[in-house]
Amino acid sequence: MEIPKLTTRIKSAMDGWFALEVLELPDLVVHTRSFEDIRETDRAAAGALMGQPPGEFDVDVEL
């Protein structure tokens, strides 16, 4: 089974927060405080939205 791929873009960064958009899931907007946490935060949010374990996603971050 192929791991679903998610592409994330940083929508904005201010006041110590990153707002992220996931291209494959346009209704999903994710917020995180750390650049290093973007992939993990996206996995958790996508998993909750789609009813799948967070580890089931491969996340690519576009700057």
N, C-alpha and C. Protein backbone atom coordinates (compact mmCIF):
# COMPACT_ATOMS: atom_id res chain seq x y z
N MET A 1 0.84 -1.18 0.00
CA MET A 1 0.00 0.00 0.00
C MET A 1 0.89 1.25 0.00
N GLU A 2 0.57 2.18 -0.86
CA GLU A 2 1.35 3.41 -0.97
C GLU A 2 0.96 4.41 0.11
N ILE A 3 1.96 5.07 0.68
CA ILE A 3 1.70 6.07 1.72
C ILE A 3 1.22 7.35 1.04
N PRO A 4 0.06 7.89 1.46
CA PRO A 4 -0.44 9.14 0.85
C PRO A 4 0.54 10.29 1.07
N LYS A 5 0.73 11.09 0.04
CA LYS A 5 1.64 12.22 0.11
C LYS A 5 0.86 13.52 0.27
N LEU A 6 1.31 14.36 1.18
CA LEU A 6 0.70 15.67 1.41
C LEU A 6 1.75 16.75 1.10
N THR A 7 1.31 17.79 0.44
CA THR A 7 2.18 18.92 0.15
C THR A 7 1.69 20.11 0.96
N THR A 8 2.58 20.66 1.77
CA THR A 8 2.24 21.75 2.66
C THR A 8 2.97 23.02 2.26
N ARG A 9 2.25 24.12 2.31
CA ARG A 9 2.85 25.44 2.08
C ARG A 9 2.62 26.30 3.30
N ILE A 10 3.62 27.12 3.60
CA ILE A 10 3.47 28.08 4.68
C ILE A 10 2.66 29.26 4.14
N LYS A 11 1.48 29.44 4.70
CA LYS A 11 0.59 30.52 4.28
C LYS A 11 1.02 31.85 4.89
N SER A 12 1.36 31.81 6.16
CA SER A 12 1.84 33.01 6.84
C SER A 12 2.65 32.60 8.06
N ALA A 13 3.47 33.53 8.52
CA ALA A 13 4.25 33.32 9.74
C ALA A 13 4.29 34.64 10.48
N MET A 14 3.64 34.68 11.65
CA MET A 14 3.67 35.90 12.45
C MET A 14 3.38 35.57 13.91
N ASP A 15 3.88 36.41 14.75
CA ASP A 15 3.68 36.27 16.20
C ASP A 15 4.10 34.90 16.72
N GLY A 16 5.12 34.30 16.11
CA GLY A 16 5.62 33.01 16.56
C GLY A 16 4.82 31.82 16.09
N TRP A 17 3.88 32.01 15.17
CA TRP A 17 3.05 30.92 14.65
C TRP A 17 3.18 30.81 13.14
N PHE A 18 3.12 29.59 12.64
CA PHE A 18 3.06 29.32 11.21
C PHE A 18 1.63 28.87 10.88
N ALA A 19 1.04 29.45 9.86
CA ALA A 19 -0.24 28.96 9.34
C ALA A 19 0.09 28.21 8.06
N LEU A 20 -0.41 26.98 7.97
CA LEU A 20 -0.06 26.09 6.87
C LEU A 20 -1.29 25.69 6.08
N GLU A 21 -1.11 25.51 4.78
CA GLU A 21 -2.18 24.95 3.96
C GLU A 21 -1.67 23.65 3.37
N VAL A 22 -2.55 22.67 3.32
CA VAL A 22 -2.23 21.36 2.76
C VAL A 22 -2.94 21.28 1.41
N LEU A 23 -2.16 21.24 0.34
CA LEU A 23 -2.73 21.34 -1.01
C LEU A 23 -3.73 20.24 -1.33
N GLU A 24 -3.48 19.04 -0.88
CA GLU A 24 -4.37 17.92 -1.16
C GLU A 24 -5.65 17.94 -0.32
N LEU A 25 -5.65 18.71 0.74
CA LEU A 25 -6.81 18.82 1.64
C LEU A 25 -7.13 20.30 1.83
N PRO A 26 -7.78 20.94 0.85
CA PRO A 26 -7.96 22.39 0.88
C PRO A 26 -8.77 22.91 2.08
N ASP A 27 -9.57 22.09 2.71
CA ASP A 27 -10.34 22.53 3.88
C ASP A 27 -9.51 22.50 5.17
N LEU A 28 -8.32 21.95 5.09
CA LEU A 28 -7.48 21.79 6.27
C LEU A 28 -6.48 22.95 6.37
N VAL A 29 -6.57 23.70 7.47
CA VAL A 29 -5.60 24.74 7.78
C VAL A 29 -4.98 24.36 9.12
N VAL A 30 -3.66 24.33 9.15
CA VAL A 30 -2.93 23.84 10.32
C VAL A 30 -2.07 24.98 10.87
N HIS A 31 -1.95 25.05 12.19
CA HIS A 31 -1.10 26.05 12.84
C HIS A 31 -0.08 25.33 13.72
N THR A 32 1.16 25.83 13.69
CA THR A 32 2.21 25.27 14.54
C THR A 32 3.16 26.39 14.93
N ARG A 33 3.87 26.20 16.01
CA ARG A 33 4.80 27.23 16.50
C ARG A 33 6.22 27.02 15.99
N SER A 34 6.53 25.85 15.52
CA SER A 34 7.92 25.54 15.16
C SER A 34 8.02 24.99 13.74
N PHE A 35 8.99 25.48 12.99
CA PHE A 35 9.21 24.97 11.65
C PHE A 35 9.50 23.47 11.69
N GLU A 36 10.23 23.04 12.70
CA GLU A 36 10.59 21.63 12.83
C GLU A 36 9.38 20.73 13.07
N ASP A 37 8.28 21.29 13.57
CA ASP A 37 7.09 20.50 13.88
C ASP A 37 6.07 20.46 12.74
N ILE A 38 6.36 21.10 11.61
CA ILE A 38 5.38 21.19 10.52
C ILE A 38 4.94 19.80 10.06
N ARG A 39 5.85 18.92 9.77
CA ARG A 39 5.49 17.59 9.25
C ARG A 39 4.63 16.81 10.24
N GLU A 40 5.05 16.81 11.48
CA GLU A 40 4.31 16.05 12.50
C GLU A 40 2.92 16.64 12.74
N THR A 41 2.83 17.96 12.77
CA THR A 41 1.54 18.63 12.96
C THR A 41 0.59 18.32 11.80
N ASP A 42 1.13 18.38 10.58
CA ASP A 42 0.31 18.05 9.40
C ASP A 42 -0.16 16.61 9.42
N ARG A 43 0.72 15.70 9.78
CA ARG A 43 0.33 14.27 9.86
C ARG A 43 -0.81 14.08 10.85
N ALA A 44 -0.68 14.69 12.01
CA ALA A 44 -1.71 14.54 13.05
C ALA A 44 -3.05 15.13 12.59
N ALA A 45 -3.01 16.33 12.00
CA ALA A 45 -4.25 16.98 11.55
C ALA A 45 -4.91 16.21 10.41
N ALA A 46 -4.12 15.77 9.45
CA ALA A 46 -4.66 15.01 8.31
C ALA A 46 -5.22 13.68 8.79
N GLY A 47 -4.52 13.04 9.72
CA GLY A 47 -5.01 11.77 10.25
C GLY A 47 -6.34 11.94 10.97
N ALA A 48 -6.46 13.00 11.76
CA ALA A 48 -7.73 13.26 12.46
C ALA A 48 -8.85 13.53 11.47
N LEU A 49 -8.56 14.31 10.44
CA LEU A 49 -9.58 14.64 9.44
C LEU A 49 -10.02 13.42 8.64
N MET A 50 -9.07 12.55 8.32
CA MET A 50 -9.37 11.41 7.44
C MET A 50 -9.58 10.09 8.18
N GLY A 51 -9.44 10.11 9.51
CA GLY A 51 -9.64 8.90 10.28
C GLY A 51 -8.56 7.86 10.08
N GLN A 52 -7.33 8.32 9.89
CA GLN A 52 -6.19 7.42 9.69
C GLN A 52 -5.11 7.73 10.72
N PRO A 53 -4.24 6.76 10.99
CA PRO A 53 -3.13 7.03 11.91
C PRO A 53 -2.20 8.09 11.31
N PRO A 54 -1.65 8.99 12.14
CA PRO A 54 -0.81 10.07 11.64
C PRO A 54 0.42 9.60 10.85
N GLY A 55 0.96 8.47 11.17
CA GLY A 55 2.13 7.96 10.47
C GLY A 55 1.87 7.51 9.05
N GLU A 56 0.62 7.54 8.64
CA GLU A 56 0.24 7.07 7.32
C GLU A 56 0.42 8.12 6.23
N PHE A 57 1.08 9.24 6.51
CA PHE A 57 1.23 10.31 5.54
C PHE A 57 2.70 10.69 5.37
N ASP A 58 3.07 10.97 4.13
CA ASP A 58 4.39 11.50 3.81
C ASP A 58 4.18 12.98 3.52
N VAL A 59 4.86 13.86 4.23
CA VAL A 59 4.63 15.31 4.10
C VAL A 59 5.83 15.98 3.43
N ASP A 60 5.53 16.73 2.39
CA ASP A 60 6.52 17.54 1.68
C ASP A 60 6.23 19.00 1.98
N VAL A 61 7.23 19.76 2.42
CA VAL A 61 7.03 21.17 2.75
C VAL A 61 7.61 22.02 1.62
N GLU A 62 6.76 22.86 1.03
CA GLU A 62 7.19 23.81 0.01
C GLU A 62 7.36 25.18 0.64
N LEU A 63 8.48 25.80 0.37
CA LEU A 63 8.73 27.13 0.93
C LEU A 63 8.35 28.20 -0.07
